[in-house]
Amino acid sequence: MKTPIVKLKQFAVITGMVLSGVGGSGAITPANALTFNFNPASGTSQAAIDGFVAAGNLWSSLFTDNVTINIDINFSALGSGVLAQAGSNAYYINYTDVYSKLNSDRSSATDNTAVASLANSSTFNMLLNRTANSPSGSGSATPYVDNDGDLNNSQMVVNSANAKALGFAISGTDATISFSSDYAWDFDRTDGVITAGTFDFVGIAAHEIGHALGFVSGVDSLDYNTTPQNDNYFTDVTPLDLFRYSTESKNLGVIDFTADTRDKYFSIDGGTTKIASFSTGVNFGDGSQASHFKDNLGLGVMDPTTAPGELLRITENDLQAFDAIGWNRAVSSNATAVPEPSNVIGTFIFAAFGAKMVLKRRQKLFKLAEKAAYEDA
């Protein structure tokens, strides 16, 4: 049993622009492979810097994309109850451009199957709920098929690192990750053991980086929505969401973008084959952010929780997910040699059974301004 449980979460900062599929200025000079540029804040300890580099090396050993990912890092006192915090820059991109990039980036059997499952059109359809214009009534939890072809069926949100892997020309900082210096960390996992009472720094950093690379779900935006909006508002489908299914959505031939407790799973063949279950949402789902695999099943580094003394590992489930969204796997990828972890900020909640650290999701969305800019274009 994991005690205490640490829920690790993520948030995104979406830029105020829409990317097209046309390259332009700001192209990144290719590296020999996936490269990480960590920019430490003043005062960040060498142990923390080395831990981030080790986490980056784990991903670099698994993917061959010739891109450089820029991440600001910090290791300092973050305030009472805060373990770590992270955020990713993201862009709104037309579905047609994402599809085109995924199609041209195919380099594996996973890619071929995944792309074949996608709609080769200007829009995609989804199972949706909790919207203001639901046919079952405003905010209804009852799922319905959203196939009206408006903005949320034609536009996606893509983390900048993921966009780079797909071939979009992007520069600047891709993510920011901060860890608290107020907690006990094990910075050296080379012996395969995490010291009792400490957290796996490299493993958690690898999880955080995994979110930056694109393991995120827009279902979290729907799940956190307290005032129902029209379906057109939820233009938050990510590349990973294109492979998010349920039994119901599979039978209808659409992805599942709902916030509820029904089983949602990762599938690259239109929902026929279930690879691994996803978490389903903090408020309306199973209590964990949808931007993770299902908790307590040992599915991978992108699980939502960890505990002191736990060594986190990257698994085949993780690698297949990143492969499907545009990252190119090294031929000799060895998932068993790698970590498992997670993302972001939190507060201690004290209960009769002890301390439980809950990491809250922060999301800063310039949605209205962005959508207006997109619609006026």
Protein backbone atom coordinates (compact mmCIF):
# COMPACT_ATOMS: atom_id res chain seq x y z
CA MET A 1 0.00 0.00 0.00
CA LYS A 2 1.20 3.47 -0.81
CA THR A 3 1.18 5.71 2.27
CA PRO A 4 0.99 8.58 1.87
CA ILE A 5 -0.33 8.76 -1.64
CA VAL A 6 1.02 11.60 -3.72
CA LYS A 7 -1.21 12.57 -6.61
CA LEU A 8 0.93 14.04 -9.35
CA LYS A 9 -0.69 16.44 -11.78
CA GLN A 10 -0.19 18.85 -14.63
CA PHE A 11 -1.39 22.13 -16.04
CA ALA A 12 -0.90 23.90 -19.35
CA VAL A 13 -0.41 27.45 -20.51
CA ILE A 14 -1.92 27.78 -23.97
CA THR A 15 -0.50 30.48 -26.17
CA GLY A 16 -2.67 33.17 -27.73
CA MET A 17 -2.27 31.96 -31.29
CA VAL A 18 -3.25 29.21 -33.70
CA LEU A 19 -0.61 27.26 -35.58
CA SER A 20 -1.13 26.21 -39.16
CA GLY A 21 0.64 23.35 -40.82
CA VAL A 22 2.86 25.73 -42.77
CA GLY A 23 6.42 26.04 -41.51
CA GLY A 24 7.99 29.46 -41.09
CA SER A 25 10.54 31.38 -39.09
CA GLY A 26 11.75 30.04 -35.78
CA ALA A 27 12.62 26.57 -37.10
CA ILE A 28 14.72 24.53 -34.72
CA THR A 29 18.11 23.23 -35.81
CA PRO A 30 17.88 19.42 -35.61
CA ALA A 31 19.99 17.67 -33.01
CA ASN A 32 21.32 14.13 -33.36
CA ALA A 33 18.35 12.86 -31.35
CA LEU A 34 15.82 14.03 -28.79
CA THR A 35 17.67 16.65 -26.75
CA PHE A 36 16.70 18.48 -23.57
CA ASN A 37 17.89 21.97 -22.72
CA PHE A 38 17.33 22.49 -18.99
CA ASN A 39 17.55 26.10 -17.87
CA PRO A 40 18.03 26.15 -14.08
CA ALA A 41 16.90 29.09 -11.99
CA SER A 42 19.50 30.75 -9.82
CA GLY A 43 20.09 28.73 -6.67
CA THR A 44 18.99 25.38 -8.12
CA SER A 45 21.17 22.71 -6.54
CA GLN A 46 23.55 20.65 -8.65
CA ALA A 47 21.86 17.48 -7.39
CA ALA A 48 18.53 18.72 -8.76
CA ILE A 49 20.09 19.75 -12.07
CA ASP A 50 21.74 16.35 -12.39
CA GLY A 51 18.43 14.70 -11.55
CA PHE A 52 16.67 16.54 -14.37
CA VAL A 53 19.45 15.64 -16.78
CA ALA A 54 19.12 11.97 -15.77
CA ALA A 55 15.36 12.11 -16.35
CA GLY A 56 15.87 13.74 -19.74
CA ASN A 57 18.40 11.07 -20.66
CA LEU A 58 15.80 8.39 -19.99
CA TRP A 59 13.52 9.88 -22.65
CA SER A 60 16.42 10.62 -25.02
CA SER A 61 17.39 6.96 -24.94
CA LEU A 62 13.89 5.96 -26.03
CA PHE A 63 13.05 8.43 -28.82
CA THR A 64 15.00 9.57 -31.85
CA ASP A 65 13.16 12.77 -32.88
CA ASN A 66 15.64 15.47 -33.90
CA VAL A 67 14.18 18.19 -31.68
CA THR A 68 15.34 20.18 -28.68
CA ILE A 69 12.94 20.58 -25.76
CA ASN A 70 13.53 23.67 -23.61
CA ILE A 71 12.50 23.35 -19.97
CA ASP A 72 12.95 25.91 -17.20
CA ILE A 73 13.72 24.13 -13.92
CA ASN A 74 13.77 25.24 -10.32
CA PHE A 75 14.48 23.58 -6.98
CA SER A 76 13.53 25.79 -4.05
CA ALA A 77 11.05 26.28 -1.22
CA LEU A 78 7.61 26.37 -2.83
CA GLY A 79 5.47 26.98 0.24
CA SER A 80 3.61 24.82 2.72
CA GLY A 81 2.30 21.57 1.31
CA VAL A 82 3.71 22.05 -2.20
CA LEU A 83 5.75 19.11 -3.48
CA ALA A 84 6.37 20.21 -7.08
CA GLN A 85 4.74 22.16 -9.87
CA ALA A 86 4.94 22.11 -13.64
CA GLY A 87 3.34 23.60 -16.73
CA SER A 88 3.58 23.23 -20.50
CA ASN A 89 3.15 25.69 -23.35
CA ALA A 90 0.61 24.56 -25.93
CA TYR A 91 -0.90 25.72 -29.22
CA TYR A 92 -4.23 25.45 -30.95
CA ILE A 93 -3.73 23.60 -34.24
CA ASN A 94 -6.24 22.58 -36.89
CA TYR A 95 -7.07 18.88 -36.88
CA THR A 96 -6.26 18.59 -40.59
CA ASP A 97 -2.70 19.75 -39.87
CA VAL A 98 -2.29 17.37 -36.93
CA TYR A 99 -3.58 14.47 -39.02
CA SER A 100 -1.25 15.37 -41.88
CA LYS A 101 1.76 15.51 -39.56
CA LEU A 102 0.89 12.20 -37.85
CA ASN A 103 0.46 10.58 -41.26
CA SER A 104 3.76 11.84 -42.62
CA ASP A 105 5.59 10.99 -39.36
CA ARG A 106 4.70 7.28 -39.44
CA SER A 107 7.74 5.13 -38.60
CA SER A 108 6.36 2.10 -36.75
CA ALA A 109 3.57 -0.46 -36.74
CA THR A 110 1.96 1.50 -33.91
CA ASP A 111 1.98 4.64 -36.07
CA ASN A 112 0.44 2.85 -39.04
CA THR A 113 -2.37 1.38 -36.96
CA ALA A 114 -2.96 4.62 -35.05
CA VAL A 115 -3.18 6.83 -38.13
CA ALA A 116 -5.46 4.33 -39.86
CA SER A 117 -7.90 4.71 -36.96
CA LEU A 118 -8.18 8.50 -37.46
CA ALA A 119 -10.67 10.37 -39.60
CA ASN A 120 -9.01 11.58 -42.80
CA SER A 121 -11.16 14.68 -42.98
CA SER A 122 -11.33 18.24 -41.70
CA THR A 123 -13.20 17.22 -38.53
CA PHE A 124 -13.46 14.39 -36.00
CA ASN A 125 -16.41 13.27 -33.88
CA MET A 126 -16.59 12.50 -30.19
CA LEU A 127 -18.73 11.28 -27.33
CA LEU A 128 -19.27 14.30 -25.09
CA ASN A 129 -21.25 15.32 -22.00
CA ARG A 130 -21.74 18.16 -19.47
CA THR A 131 -22.15 20.88 -22.09
CA ALA A 132 -24.68 23.71 -22.15
CA ASN A 133 -26.15 22.49 -25.43
CA SER A 134 -26.43 18.81 -24.52
CA PRO A 135 -29.59 17.27 -26.05
CA SER A 136 -30.32 15.84 -22.57
CA GLY A 137 -30.27 19.29 -20.95
CA SER A 138 -27.63 21.80 -19.93
CA GLY A 139 -24.81 20.16 -17.98
CA SER A 140 -26.25 16.67 -18.35
CA ALA A 141 -23.90 13.78 -17.58
CA THR A 142 -25.56 11.71 -20.32
CA PRO A 143 -23.09 11.19 -23.19
CA TYR A 144 -24.07 12.25 -26.70
CA VAL A 145 -22.32 12.17 -30.06
CA ASP A 146 -20.93 15.58 -31.01
CA ASN A 147 -20.61 15.51 -34.80
CA ASP A 148 -21.73 19.01 -35.80
CA GLY A 149 -18.35 19.92 -37.30
CA ASP A 150 -17.84 23.16 -35.38
CA LEU A 151 -14.68 24.46 -33.71
CA ASN A 152 -14.17 21.71 -31.13
CA ASN A 153 -14.51 19.12 -33.93
CA SER A 154 -11.91 20.81 -36.12
CA GLN A 155 -9.32 22.31 -33.76
CA MET A 156 -7.01 20.70 -31.20
CA VAL A 157 -4.60 21.79 -28.50
CA VAL A 158 -1.04 20.45 -28.76
CA ASN A 159 1.83 20.86 -26.29
CA SER A 160 4.70 22.67 -27.99
CA ALA A 161 7.11 19.77 -27.40
CA ASN A 162 4.64 17.37 -29.05
CA ALA A 163 4.18 19.86 -31.89
CA LYS A 164 7.95 19.92 -32.41
CA ALA A 165 8.02 16.13 -32.66
CA LEU A 166 5.32 16.37 -35.33
CA GLY A 167 7.40 18.80 -37.37
CA PHE A 168 5.84 22.17 -36.56
CA ALA A 169 8.32 25.06 -36.41
CA ILE A 170 8.28 26.30 -32.82
CA SER A 171 10.85 28.03 -30.63
CA GLY A 172 11.01 29.19 -27.04
CA THR A 173 10.34 27.53 -23.70
CA ASP A 174 8.26 24.36 -23.84
CA ALA A 175 7.67 23.77 -20.14
CA THR A 176 8.49 24.85 -16.60
CA ILE A 177 9.07 22.35 -13.79
CA SER A 178 9.73 23.21 -10.15
CA PHE A 179 10.45 20.91 -7.22
CA SER A 180 10.25 21.74 -3.54
CA SER A 181 13.46 21.69 -1.52
CA ASP A 182 11.43 21.13 1.65
CA TYR A 183 11.03 17.37 1.09
CA ALA A 184 13.38 14.42 1.18
CA TRP A 185 14.50 13.29 -2.29
CA ASP A 186 16.58 10.41 -3.56
CA PHE A 187 18.53 11.83 -6.52
CA ASP A 188 20.38 8.61 -7.38
CA ARG A 189 18.38 5.70 -8.78
CA THR A 190 21.35 3.94 -10.38
CA ASP A 191 21.27 1.27 -7.67
CA GLY A 192 17.63 0.50 -8.49
CA VAL A 193 16.48 1.46 -4.99
CA ILE A 194 14.79 4.56 -3.58
CA THR A 195 15.70 5.21 0.05
CA ALA A 196 12.82 4.71 2.47
CA GLY A 197 11.08 7.96 3.32
CA THR A 198 12.33 9.79 0.21
CA PHE A 199 10.82 10.45 -3.19
CA ASP A 200 12.25 9.33 -6.53
CA PHE A 201 13.39 12.68 -7.94
CA VAL A 202 14.47 11.36 -11.33
CA GLY A 203 11.30 9.30 -11.70
CA ILE A 204 8.99 12.19 -10.85
CA ALA A 205 10.99 14.51 -13.12
CA ALA A 206 10.58 11.95 -15.93
CA HIS A 207 6.82 11.95 -15.32
CA GLU A 208 6.73 15.73 -15.42
CA ILE A 209 8.68 15.72 -18.66
CA GLY A 210 6.23 13.13 -20.00
CA HIS A 211 3.38 15.60 -19.57
CA ALA A 212 5.42 18.23 -21.41
CA LEU A 213 5.99 15.75 -24.24
CA GLY A 214 2.24 15.44 -24.71
CA PHE A 215 0.74 12.99 -22.24
CA VAL A 216 -2.20 15.29 -21.49
CA SER A 217 -5.97 15.16 -21.92
CA GLY A 218 -8.42 17.97 -22.58
CA VAL A 219 -11.00 15.99 -20.62
CA ASP A 220 -9.50 17.68 -17.57
CA SER A 221 -10.80 21.02 -18.89
CA LEU A 222 -14.29 19.54 -19.23
CA ASP A 223 -14.01 17.90 -15.80
CA TYR A 224 -13.02 21.17 -14.11
CA ASN A 225 -15.74 23.18 -15.81
CA THR A 226 -18.24 24.39 -13.19
CA THR A 227 -20.45 26.44 -15.52
CA PRO A 228 -21.66 24.43 -18.54
CA GLN A 229 -20.46 25.83 -21.86
CA ASN A 230 -21.56 24.97 -25.39
CA ASP A 231 -19.61 22.09 -26.92
CA ASN A 232 -17.89 24.60 -29.21
CA TYR A 233 -16.03 25.88 -26.14
CA PHE A 234 -14.12 22.64 -25.53
CA THR A 235 -11.44 22.88 -28.21
CA ASP A 236 -9.12 20.99 -25.89
CA VAL A 237 -8.82 17.61 -27.59
CA THR A 238 -5.14 16.64 -27.56
CA PRO A 239 -3.30 14.15 -29.78
CA LEU A 240 -3.53 11.63 -26.93
CA ASP A 241 -7.31 12.14 -26.79
CA LEU A 242 -7.54 10.91 -30.38
CA PHE A 243 -6.87 7.46 -28.91
CA ARG A 244 -9.20 7.70 -25.91
CA TYR A 245 -12.13 5.27 -26.11
CA SER A 246 -14.84 3.61 -24.11
CA THR A 247 -17.01 0.62 -25.01
CA GLU A 248 -19.80 3.04 -25.87
CA SER A 249 -17.68 5.30 -28.06
CA LYS A 250 -16.09 2.34 -29.82
CA ASN A 251 -19.52 1.02 -30.76
CA LEU A 252 -20.41 4.46 -32.13
CA GLY A 253 -17.14 4.86 -34.01
CA VAL A 254 -16.00 7.98 -32.12
CA ILE A 255 -13.50 8.91 -29.41
CA ASP A 256 -14.65 9.39 -25.82
CA PHE A 257 -14.22 12.94 -24.50
CA THR A 258 -16.60 12.63 -21.54
CA ALA A 259 -16.02 13.32 -17.85
CA ASP A 260 -17.59 10.47 -15.87
CA THR A 261 -16.67 7.21 -14.16
CA ARG A 262 -17.09 4.87 -17.14
CA ASP A 263 -13.92 3.06 -18.19
CA LYS A 264 -11.86 5.05 -20.73
CA TYR A 265 -8.90 3.37 -22.34
CA PHE A 266 -5.98 3.87 -24.69
CA SER A 267 -6.51 2.21 -28.07
CA ILE A 268 -4.77 2.66 -31.42
CA ASP A 269 -7.27 0.69 -33.52
CA GLY A 270 -10.49 2.60 -33.04
CA GLY A 271 -11.26 1.14 -29.64
CA THR A 272 -11.20 -2.52 -30.66
CA THR A 273 -8.10 -3.34 -28.61
CA LYS A 274 -7.77 -1.96 -25.09
CA ILE A 275 -4.12 -1.29 -24.25
CA ALA A 276 -4.48 0.44 -20.86
CA SER A 277 -7.15 2.34 -18.93
CA PHE A 278 -6.97 6.09 -18.41
CA SER A 279 -7.90 8.02 -15.28
CA THR A 280 -11.26 9.69 -15.76
CA GLY A 281 -11.24 13.04 -13.92
CA VAL A 282 -10.92 14.61 -10.49
CA ASN A 283 -14.48 15.92 -10.11
CA PHE A 284 -16.73 13.64 -12.15
CA GLY A 285 -14.45 10.65 -12.64
CA ASP A 286 -12.30 8.40 -10.47
CA GLY A 287 -10.61 11.26 -8.59
CA SER A 288 -7.45 11.45 -10.73
CA GLN A 289 -6.74 13.77 -13.63
CA ALA A 290 -7.61 12.36 -17.04
CA SER A 291 -4.05 13.20 -18.13
CA HIS A 292 -2.83 9.91 -16.60
CA PHE A 293 -3.21 6.19 -16.83
CA LYS A 294 -5.53 4.54 -14.31
CA ASP A 295 -4.15 4.51 -10.76
CA ASN A 296 -2.93 1.48 -8.77
CA LEU A 297 -2.65 -0.82 -11.78
CA GLY A 298 1.08 -0.40 -12.38
CA LEU A 299 0.47 0.80 -15.94
CA GLY A 300 3.43 3.10 -16.30
CA VAL A 301 5.34 6.26 -15.51
CA MET A 302 2.24 8.28 -16.36
CA ASP A 303 0.24 6.79 -13.48
CA PRO A 304 -1.19 9.54 -11.21
CA THR A 305 0.30 8.56 -7.84
CA THR A 306 3.52 7.55 -6.16
CA ALA A 307 4.83 7.18 -2.61
CA PRO A 308 8.08 7.56 -0.67
CA GLY A 309 10.49 4.72 -1.42
CA GLU A 310 8.84 3.88 -4.76
CA LEU A 311 11.00 3.53 -7.87
CA LEU A 312 9.10 4.82 -10.89
CA ARG A 313 9.44 3.09 -14.26
CA ILE A 314 8.57 3.82 -17.87
CA THR A 315 6.66 0.92 -19.38
CA GLU A 316 5.61 -0.33 -22.79
CA ASN A 317 2.22 1.33 -22.23
CA ASP A 318 3.94 4.71 -21.88
CA LEU A 319 6.08 4.17 -24.96
CA GLN A 320 3.18 3.11 -27.17
CA ALA A 321 1.21 6.19 -26.15
CA PHE A 322 4.08 8.54 -27.02
CA ASP A 323 4.69 6.64 -30.25
CA ALA A 324 1.06 7.11 -31.29
CA ILE A 325 1.08 10.89 -30.72
CA GLY A 326 4.13 11.51 -32.89
CA TRP A 327 7.31 10.52 -31.07
CA ASN A 328 9.64 8.10 -32.89
CA ARG A 329 10.87 5.18 -30.83
CA ALA A 330 14.43 3.96 -30.90
CA VAL A 331 14.60 0.49 -32.40
CA SER A 332 16.15 -0.94 -29.25
CA SER A 333 13.75 0.78 -26.78
CA ASN A 334 13.84 -1.06 -23.45
CA ALA A 335 10.92 0.01 -21.31
CA THR A 336 11.91 -2.08 -18.29
CA ALA A 337 15.07 -0.05 -17.77
CA VAL A 338 13.21 3.22 -17.33
CA PRO A 339 11.00 5.22 -14.80
CA GLU A 340 7.40 6.09 -13.91
CA PRO A 341 6.20 9.51 -12.20
CA SER A 342 4.11 12.69 -12.34
CA ASN A 343 3.34 16.37 -12.16
CA VAL A 344 2.68 19.47 -9.98
CA ILE A 345 1.29 21.54 -7.04
CA GLY A 346 -0.54 20.58 -3.95
CA THR A 347 -1.72 20.85 -0.37
CA PHE A 348 -1.64 18.43 2.50
CA ILE A 349 -5.08 17.19 3.51
CA PHE A 350 -5.09 15.74 7.01
CA ALA A 351 -7.55 12.99 7.80
CA ALA A 352 -7.96 10.42 10.54
CA PHE A 353 -5.78 7.95 8.66
CA GLY A 354 -2.83 10.29 8.18
CA ALA A 355 -1.50 12.83 5.72
CA LYS A 356 -2.45 12.72 2.09
CA MET A 357 -0.79 15.05 -0.36
CA VAL A 358 -3.14 16.16 -3.11
CA LEU A 359 -1.58 17.99 -5.99
CA LYS A 360 -3.99 20.47 -7.50
CA ARG A 361 -4.15 21.21 -11.19
CA ARG A 362 -3.67 24.80 -12.32
CA GLN A 363 -4.62 25.73 -15.83
CA LYS A 364 -4.31 29.11 -17.45
CA LEU A 365 -6.32 29.18 -20.65
CA PHE A 366 -6.58 32.24 -22.85
CA LYS A 367 -9.44 30.46 -24.54
CA LEU A 368 -11.86 33.25 -25.35
CA ALA A 369 -9.20 35.47 -26.88
CA GLU A 370 -7.74 32.59 -28.83
CA LYS A 371 -11.05 31.40 -30.17
CA ALA A 372 -11.97 34.91 -31.25
CA ALA A 373 -8.66 35.23 -33.07
CA TYR A 374 -9.18 31.88 -34.74
CA GLU A 375 -12.72 32.61 -35.81
CA ASP A 376 -11.78 36.02 -37.20
CA ALA A 377 -8.89 34.60 -39.21
